[in-house]
Amino acid sequence: MTALPDPSPDRLLTVAEYAELGEPAFGYTELVEGRLLMSPSPTPRHNIASGELYVQLRPQLPGGLAVVQDVDVDLGLVPPNSPGFSRRPDLVVVDSAAVDRISEEGGMLRAAEVAVVIEIVSPSAHRIDYKHKHGEYADAGIPHYWIVDLSEPVSLVASHLASEFGYADASAVTETFATSVPFDVRLDLTQLT
């Protein structure tokens, strides 16, 4: 991918046009309703938490699943020729075949390939993570959304698709998060900071 040529295109973008833009010189981008959103690079604390989650998740995943950090996901909320939606979660748990597909064909992950999407709350994105992405990920049909908040005490809110009306949120968990859905996993949240 090449460097982002123009941070403010003069029109709304499709997901394919967004994918062609490539990476910016700093920070990262997402696409919401065809509009390019730029965000600063994550803080070191944020990256440490993401890395620790990856390290804890990877050995617990059943065969056929992979955990991927910091990758674009086409939410598939609109037809391909319409102004699109692409988010860049901190981590996703996906079908391993999706990773192989991208290696062979290119493109980006699709929401239908994602089992769990994980966002680590940034102070500047609290509302985005808890409200906007919460709705978008549910609308995209991603079965599980975990929100990790690094404010003391570190907590995790696990949401799952409950109906066509969106996610049902469990209470925030501190210290240890354990679940058997969509797979058995135990995360030591105290190790994230």
C-alpha atoms as a PDB file:
ATOM      1  CA  MET A   1       0.000   0.000   0.000  1.00  0.00           C
ATOM      2  CA  THR A   2       1.089   3.535  -0.637  1.00  0.00           C
ATOM      3  CA  ALA A   3       0.942   6.577   1.587  1.00  0.00           C
ATOM      4  CA  LEU A   4      -2.376   8.340   1.914  1.00  0.00           C
ATOM      5  CA  PRO A   5      -2.374  10.975  -0.861  1.00  0.00           C
ATOM      6  CA  ASP A   6      -5.133  13.263   0.423  1.00  0.00           C
ATOM      7  CA  PRO A   7      -6.476  13.127   3.981  1.00  0.00           C
ATOM      8  CA  SER A   8      -9.783  14.663   2.880  1.00  0.00           C
ATOM      9  CA  PRO A   9     -11.114  13.260  -0.407  1.00  0.00           C
ATOM     10  CA  ASP A  10     -13.682  15.482  -2.098  1.00  0.00           C
ATOM     11  CA  ARG A  11     -16.323  12.736  -2.150  1.00  0.00           C
ATOM     12  CA  LEU A  12     -17.622   9.841  -0.097  1.00  0.00           C
ATOM     13  CA  LEU A  13     -15.639   6.619  -0.521  1.00  0.00           C
ATOM     14  CA  THR A  14     -16.614   3.000  -1.019  1.00  0.00           C
ATOM     15  CA  VAL A  15     -14.772   0.352   1.009  1.00  0.00           C
ATOM     16  CA  ALA A  16     -12.788  -0.633  -2.123  1.00  0.00           C
ATOM     17  CA  GLU A  17     -11.692   2.977  -2.708  1.00  0.00           C
ATOM     18  CA  TYR A  18     -10.745   3.264   0.949  1.00  0.00           C
ATOM     19  CA  ALA A  19      -8.639   0.089   0.732  1.00  0.00           C
ATOM     20  CA  GLU A  20      -6.763   1.550  -2.249  1.00  0.00           C
ATOM     21  CA  LEU A  21      -5.710   4.641  -0.264  1.00  0.00           C
ATOM     22  CA  GLY A  22      -3.195   2.746   1.855  1.00  0.00           C
ATOM     23  CA  GLU A  23      -1.739   3.751   5.183  1.00  0.00           C
ATOM     24  CA  PRO A  24      -1.264   7.352   6.404  1.00  0.00           C
ATOM     25  CA  ALA A  25       2.163   8.587   7.491  1.00  0.00           C
ATOM     26  CA  PHE A  26       1.006   8.597  11.148  1.00  0.00           C
ATOM     27  CA  GLY A  27      -1.948   7.286  13.096  1.00  0.00           C
ATOM     28  CA  TYR A  28      -4.598   5.232  11.350  1.00  0.00           C
ATOM     29  CA  THR A  29      -7.825   5.717   9.426  1.00  0.00           C
ATOM     30  CA  GLU A  30     -11.319   4.284   9.464  1.00  0.00           C
ATOM     31  CA  LEU A  31     -14.223   4.761   7.064  1.00  0.00           C
ATOM     32  CA  VAL A  32     -17.667   5.746   8.368  1.00  0.00           C
ATOM     33  CA  GLU A  33     -20.514   6.381   5.932  1.00  0.00           C
ATOM     34  CA  GLY A  34     -17.906   6.988   3.243  1.00  0.00           C
ATOM     35  CA  ARG A  35     -16.075   9.604   5.302  1.00  0.00           C
ATOM     36  CA  LEU A  36     -12.418   9.156   6.099  1.00  0.00           C
ATOM     37  CA  LEU A  37     -11.690   9.453   9.832  1.00  0.00           C
ATOM     38  CA  MET A  38      -8.136   9.922  11.018  1.00  0.00           C
ATOM     39  CA  SER A  39      -7.013   8.994  14.528  1.00  0.00           C
ATOM     40  CA  PRO A  40      -3.703   9.409  16.315  1.00  0.00           C
ATOM     41  CA  SER A  41      -1.460   6.428  16.929  1.00  0.00           C
ATOM     42  CA  PRO A  42      -2.312   4.518  20.108  1.00  0.00           C
ATOM     43  CA  THR A  43      -0.403   5.268  23.304  1.00  0.00           C
ATOM     44  CA  PRO A  44       2.259   2.855  24.585  1.00  0.00           C
ATOM     45  CA  ARG A  45      -0.104   1.736  27.395  1.00  0.00           C
ATOM     46  CA  HIS A  46      -2.796   0.961  24.816  1.00  0.00           C
ATOM     47  CA  ASN A  47      -0.335  -1.067  22.709  1.00  0.00           C
ATOM     48  CA  ILE A  48       0.938  -2.982  25.739  1.00  0.00           C
ATOM     49  CA  ALA A  49      -2.648  -3.949  26.636  1.00  0.00           C
ATOM     50  CA  SER A  50      -3.314  -5.042  23.045  1.00  0.00           C
ATOM     51  CA  GLY A  51      -0.143  -7.135  22.992  1.00  0.00           C
ATOM     52  CA  GLU A  52      -0.962  -8.753  26.327  1.00  0.00           C
ATOM     53  CA  LEU A  53      -4.489  -9.605  25.178  1.00  0.00           C
ATOM     54  CA  TYR A  54      -3.029 -11.179  22.035  1.00  0.00           C
ATOM     55  CA  VAL A  55      -0.557 -13.239  24.077  1.00  0.00           C
ATOM     56  CA  GLN A  56      -3.284 -14.460  26.417  1.00  0.00           C
ATOM     57  CA  LEU A  57      -5.866 -15.173  23.698  1.00  0.00           C
ATOM     58  CA  ARG A  58      -3.748 -16.960  21.102  1.00  0.00           C
ATOM     59  CA  PRO A  59      -3.004 -20.218  22.960  1.00  0.00           C
ATOM     60  CA  GLN A  60      -6.626 -20.513  24.131  1.00  0.00           C
ATOM     61  CA  LEU A  61      -8.244 -20.331  20.696  1.00  0.00           C
ATOM     62  CA  PRO A  62      -9.722 -23.501  19.244  1.00  0.00           C
ATOM     63  CA  GLY A  63      -8.416 -24.750  15.903  1.00  0.00           C
ATOM     64  CA  GLY A  64      -9.686 -22.803  12.942  1.00  0.00           C
ATOM     65  CA  LEU A  65      -9.580 -19.423  14.703  1.00  0.00           C
ATOM     66  CA  ALA A  66      -6.862 -16.771  14.717  1.00  0.00           C
ATOM     67  CA  VAL A  67      -6.421 -13.520  16.636  1.00  0.00           C
ATOM     68  CA  VAL A  68      -5.267 -10.510  14.604  1.00  0.00           C
ATOM     69  CA  GLN A  69      -4.252  -7.078  15.873  1.00  0.00           C
ATOM     70  CA  ASP A  70      -4.968  -3.692  14.312  1.00  0.00           C
ATOM     71  CA  VAL A  71      -6.564  -4.696  11.002  1.00  0.00           C
ATOM     72  CA  ASP A  72      -9.271  -3.184   8.784  1.00  0.00           C
ATOM     73  CA  VAL A  73     -12.663  -4.910   8.762  1.00  0.00           C
ATOM     74  CA  ASP A  74     -15.257  -4.252   6.057  1.00  0.00           C
ATOM     75  CA  LEU A  75     -18.486  -4.050   8.042  1.00  0.00           C
ATOM     76  CA  GLY A  76     -20.564  -4.833   4.954  1.00  0.00           C
ATOM     77  CA  LEU A  77     -23.351  -2.482   6.023  1.00  0.00           C
ATOM     78  CA  VAL A  78     -24.015  -1.139   2.516  1.00  0.00           C
ATOM     79  CA  PRO A  79     -23.740  -2.406  -1.065  1.00  0.00           C
ATOM     80  CA  PRO A  80     -20.142  -2.407  -2.418  1.00  0.00           C
ATOM     81  CA  ASN A  81     -20.721   0.645  -4.662  1.00  0.00           C
ATOM     82  CA  SER A  82     -22.106   2.809  -1.806  1.00  0.00           C
ATOM     83  CA  PRO A  83     -20.252   4.991   0.721  1.00  0.00           C
ATOM     84  CA  GLY A  84     -18.954   2.348   3.115  1.00  0.00           C
ATOM     85  CA  PHE A  85     -17.938   1.420   6.629  1.00  0.00           C
ATOM     86  CA  SER A  86     -14.552  -0.002   7.621  1.00  0.00           C
ATOM     87  CA  ARG A  87     -13.389  -0.058  11.211  1.00  0.00           C
ATOM     88  CA  ARG A  88      -9.965  -0.951  12.590  1.00  0.00           C
ATOM     89  CA  PRO A  89     -10.467  -2.790  15.885  1.00  0.00           C
ATOM     90  CA  ASP A  90      -7.612  -3.360  18.298  1.00  0.00           C
ATOM     91  CA  LEU A  91      -8.032  -7.136  17.979  1.00  0.00           C
ATOM     92  CA  VAL A  92     -10.325  -9.521  16.153  1.00  0.00           C
ATOM     93  CA  VAL A  93     -10.814 -13.248  16.463  1.00  0.00           C
ATOM     94  CA  VAL A  94     -11.511 -14.557  12.975  1.00  0.00           C
ATOM     95  CA  ASP A  95     -11.841 -17.729  10.989  1.00  0.00           C
ATOM     96  CA  SER A  96      -8.293 -18.739   9.956  1.00  0.00           C
ATOM     97  CA  ALA A  97      -9.567 -19.234   6.399  1.00  0.00           C
ATOM     98  CA  ALA A  98     -10.153 -15.459   6.223  1.00  0.00           C
ATOM     99  CA  VAL A  99      -6.484 -14.804   6.929  1.00  0.00           C
ATOM    100  CA  ASP A 100      -5.559 -17.291   4.185  1.00  0.00           C
ATOM    101  CA  ARG A 101      -8.031 -15.641   1.784  1.00  0.00           C
ATOM    102  CA  ILE A 102      -6.431 -12.242   2.276  1.00  0.00           C
ATOM    103  CA  SER A 103      -2.931 -13.691   1.812  1.00  0.00           C
ATOM    104  CA  GLU A 104      -3.999 -15.252  -1.486  1.00  0.00           C
ATOM    105  CA  GLU A 105      -6.487 -12.722  -2.870  1.00  0.00           C
ATOM    106  CA  GLY A 106      -5.887  -9.452  -1.039  1.00  0.00           C
ATOM    107  CA  GLY A 107      -8.703  -7.341   0.307  1.00  0.00           C
ATOM    108  CA  MET A 108      -9.697  -6.958   3.923  1.00  0.00           C
ATOM    109  CA  LEU A 109     -11.431  -8.993   6.584  1.00  0.00           C
ATOM    110  CA  ARG A 110     -15.212  -9.115   6.358  1.00  0.00           C
ATOM    111  CA  ALA A 111     -17.526  -8.756   9.331  1.00  0.00           C
ATOM    112  CA  ALA A 112     -19.023 -12.170   8.530  1.00  0.00           C
ATOM    113  CA  GLU A 113     -15.591 -13.728   9.194  1.00  0.00           C
ATOM    114  CA  VAL A 114     -15.246 -12.164  12.670  1.00  0.00           C
ATOM    115  CA  ALA A 115     -16.247 -14.118  15.786  1.00  0.00           C
ATOM    116  CA  VAL A 116     -15.130 -11.507  18.344  1.00  0.00           C
ATOM    117  CA  VAL A 117     -14.143  -7.879  17.953  1.00  0.00           C
ATOM    118  CA  ILE A 118     -12.176  -6.243  20.786  1.00  0.00           C
ATOM    119  CA  GLU A 119     -11.726  -2.531  21.371  1.00  0.00           C
ATOM    120  CA  ILE A 120      -9.480  -1.026  24.016  1.00  0.00           C
ATOM    121  CA  VAL A 121     -11.063   2.256  25.080  1.00  0.00           C
ATOM    122  CA  SER A 122      -9.005   5.350  24.413  1.00  0.00           C
ATOM    123  CA  PRO A 123      -9.858   8.459  26.441  1.00  0.00           C
ATOM    124  CA  SER A 124     -10.632  10.362  23.226  1.00  0.00           C
ATOM    125  CA  ALA A 125     -12.813   7.530  21.843  1.00  0.00           C
ATOM    126  CA  HIS A 126     -14.930   6.530  24.844  1.00  0.00           C
ATOM    127  CA  ARG A 127     -18.240   7.456  23.182  1.00  0.00           C
ATOM    128  CA  ILE A 128     -17.157   5.977  19.855  1.00  0.00           C
ATOM    129  CA  ASP A 129     -16.285   2.591  21.415  1.00  0.00           C
ATOM    130  CA  TYR A 130     -19.320   2.356  23.714  1.00  0.00           C
ATOM    131  CA  LYS A 131     -21.955   3.831  21.376  1.00  0.00           C
ATOM    132  CA  HIS A 132     -21.008   4.153  17.699  1.00  0.00           C
ATOM    133  CA  LYS A 133     -18.951   0.983  17.258  1.00  0.00           C
ATOM    134  CA  HIS A 134     -21.332  -0.888  19.555  1.00  0.00           C
ATOM    135  CA  GLY A 135     -24.145  -0.197  17.093  1.00  0.00           C
ATOM    136  CA  GLU A 136     -22.092  -0.669  13.928  1.00  0.00           C
ATOM    137  CA  TYR A 137     -20.609  -4.018  14.986  1.00  0.00           C
ATOM    138  CA  ALA A 138     -24.065  -5.274  15.981  1.00  0.00           C
ATOM    139  CA  ASP A 139     -25.563  -4.087  12.680  1.00  0.00           C
ATOM    140  CA  ALA A 140     -22.718  -5.879  10.872  1.00  0.00           C
ATOM    141  CA  GLY A 141     -23.692  -9.131  12.623  1.00  0.00           C
ATOM    142  CA  ILE A 142     -20.443  -9.626  14.543  1.00  0.00           C
ATOM    143  CA  PRO A 143     -21.555 -12.081  17.260  1.00  0.00           C
ATOM    144  CA  HIS A 144     -19.364 -10.826  20.136  1.00  0.00           C
ATOM    145  CA  TYR A 145     -17.957  -7.410  21.054  1.00  0.00           C
ATOM    146  CA  TRP A 146     -15.610  -7.041  24.026  1.00  0.00           C
ATOM    147  CA  ILE A 147     -14.791  -3.550  25.308  1.00  0.00           C
ATOM    148  CA  VAL A 148     -11.683  -3.268  27.490  1.00  0.00           C
ATOM    149  CA  ASP A 149     -11.380  -0.131  29.610  1.00  0.00           C
ATOM    150  CA  LEU A 150      -7.901   0.527  31.009  1.00  0.00           C
ATOM    151  CA  SER A 151      -9.157   2.978  33.649  1.00  0.00           C
ATOM    152  CA  GLU A 152      -8.473   1.592  37.127  1.00  0.00           C
ATOM    153  CA  PRO A 153      -9.672  -0.982  37.783  1.00  0.00           C
ATOM    154  CA  VAL A 154      -9.213  -2.453  34.306  1.00  0.00           C
ATOM    155  CA  SER A 155     -12.520  -3.905  33.133  1.00  0.00           C
ATOM    156  CA  LEU A 156     -14.074  -5.813  30.262  1.00  0.00           C
ATOM    157  CA  VAL A 157     -17.674  -5.586  29.057  1.00  0.00           C
ATOM    158  CA  ALA A 158     -18.692  -8.572  26.937  1.00  0.00           C
ATOM    159  CA  SER A 159     -21.565  -8.013  24.529  1.00  0.00           C
ATOM    160  CA  HIS A 160     -23.268 -10.640  22.408  1.00  0.00           C
ATOM    161  CA  LEU A 161     -25.874 -10.436  19.676  1.00  0.00           C
ATOM    162  CA  ALA A 162     -29.154 -11.179  21.378  1.00  0.00           C
ATOM    163  CA  SER A 163     -31.601 -10.407  18.588  1.00  0.00           C
ATOM    164  CA  GLU A 164     -32.126  -8.222  15.568  1.00  0.00           C
ATOM    165  CA  PHE A 165     -32.110  -5.298  18.020  1.00  0.00           C
ATOM    166  CA  GLY A 166     -28.386  -5.535  18.719  1.00  0.00           C
ATOM    167  CA  TYR A 167     -26.092  -6.474  21.549  1.00  0.00           C
ATOM    168  CA  ALA A 168     -26.941  -7.499  25.089  1.00  0.00           C
ATOM    169  CA  ASP A 169     -24.217  -6.260  27.429  1.00  0.00           C
ATOM    170  CA  ALA A 170     -22.981  -8.206  30.438  1.00  0.00           C
ATOM    171  CA  SER A 171     -21.852  -6.311  33.514  1.00  0.00           C
ATOM    172  CA  ALA A 172     -18.285  -5.040  33.524  1.00  0.00           C
ATOM    173  CA  VAL A 173     -15.817  -7.612  34.862  1.00  0.00           C
ATOM    174  CA  THR A 174     -12.566  -6.774  36.656  1.00  0.00           C
ATOM    175  CA  GLU A 175      -9.529  -8.930  37.504  1.00  0.00           C
ATOM    176  CA  THR A 176     -10.441 -12.090  35.538  1.00  0.00           C
ATOM    177  CA  PHE A 177     -12.747 -12.455  32.543  1.00  0.00           C
ATOM    178  CA  ALA A 178     -13.868 -16.016  31.829  1.00  0.00           C
ATOM    179  CA  THR A 179     -16.402 -17.302  29.323  1.00  0.00           C
ATOM    180  CA  SER A 180     -17.263 -20.416  27.358  1.00  0.00           C
ATOM    181  CA  VAL A 181     -18.967 -18.510  24.542  1.00  0.00           C
ATOM    182  CA  PRO A 182     -17.944 -18.397  21.727  1.00  0.00           C
ATOM    183  CA  PHE A 183     -15.047 -20.496  23.059  1.00  0.00           C
ATOM    184  CA  ASP A 184     -13.456 -21.236  26.422  1.00  0.00           C
ATOM    185  CA  VAL A 185     -11.187 -18.387  27.432  1.00  0.00           C
ATOM    186  CA  ARG A 186      -9.823 -16.882  30.628  1.00  0.00           C
ATOM    187  CA  LEU A 187      -8.156 -13.454  30.560  1.00  0.00           C
ATOM    188  CA  ASP A 188      -6.178 -11.944  33.432  1.00  0.00           C
ATOM    189  CA  LEU A 189      -7.136  -8.282  33.133  1.00  0.00           C
ATOM    190  CA  THR A 190      -4.648  -7.275  35.839  1.00  0.00           C
ATOM    191  CA  GLN A 191      -1.835  -8.044  33.372  1.00  0.00           C
ATOM    192  CA  LEU A 192      -3.001  -5.445  30.825  1.00  0.00           C
ATOM    193  CA  THR A 193      -1.328  -2.461  32.498  1.00  0.00           C
END
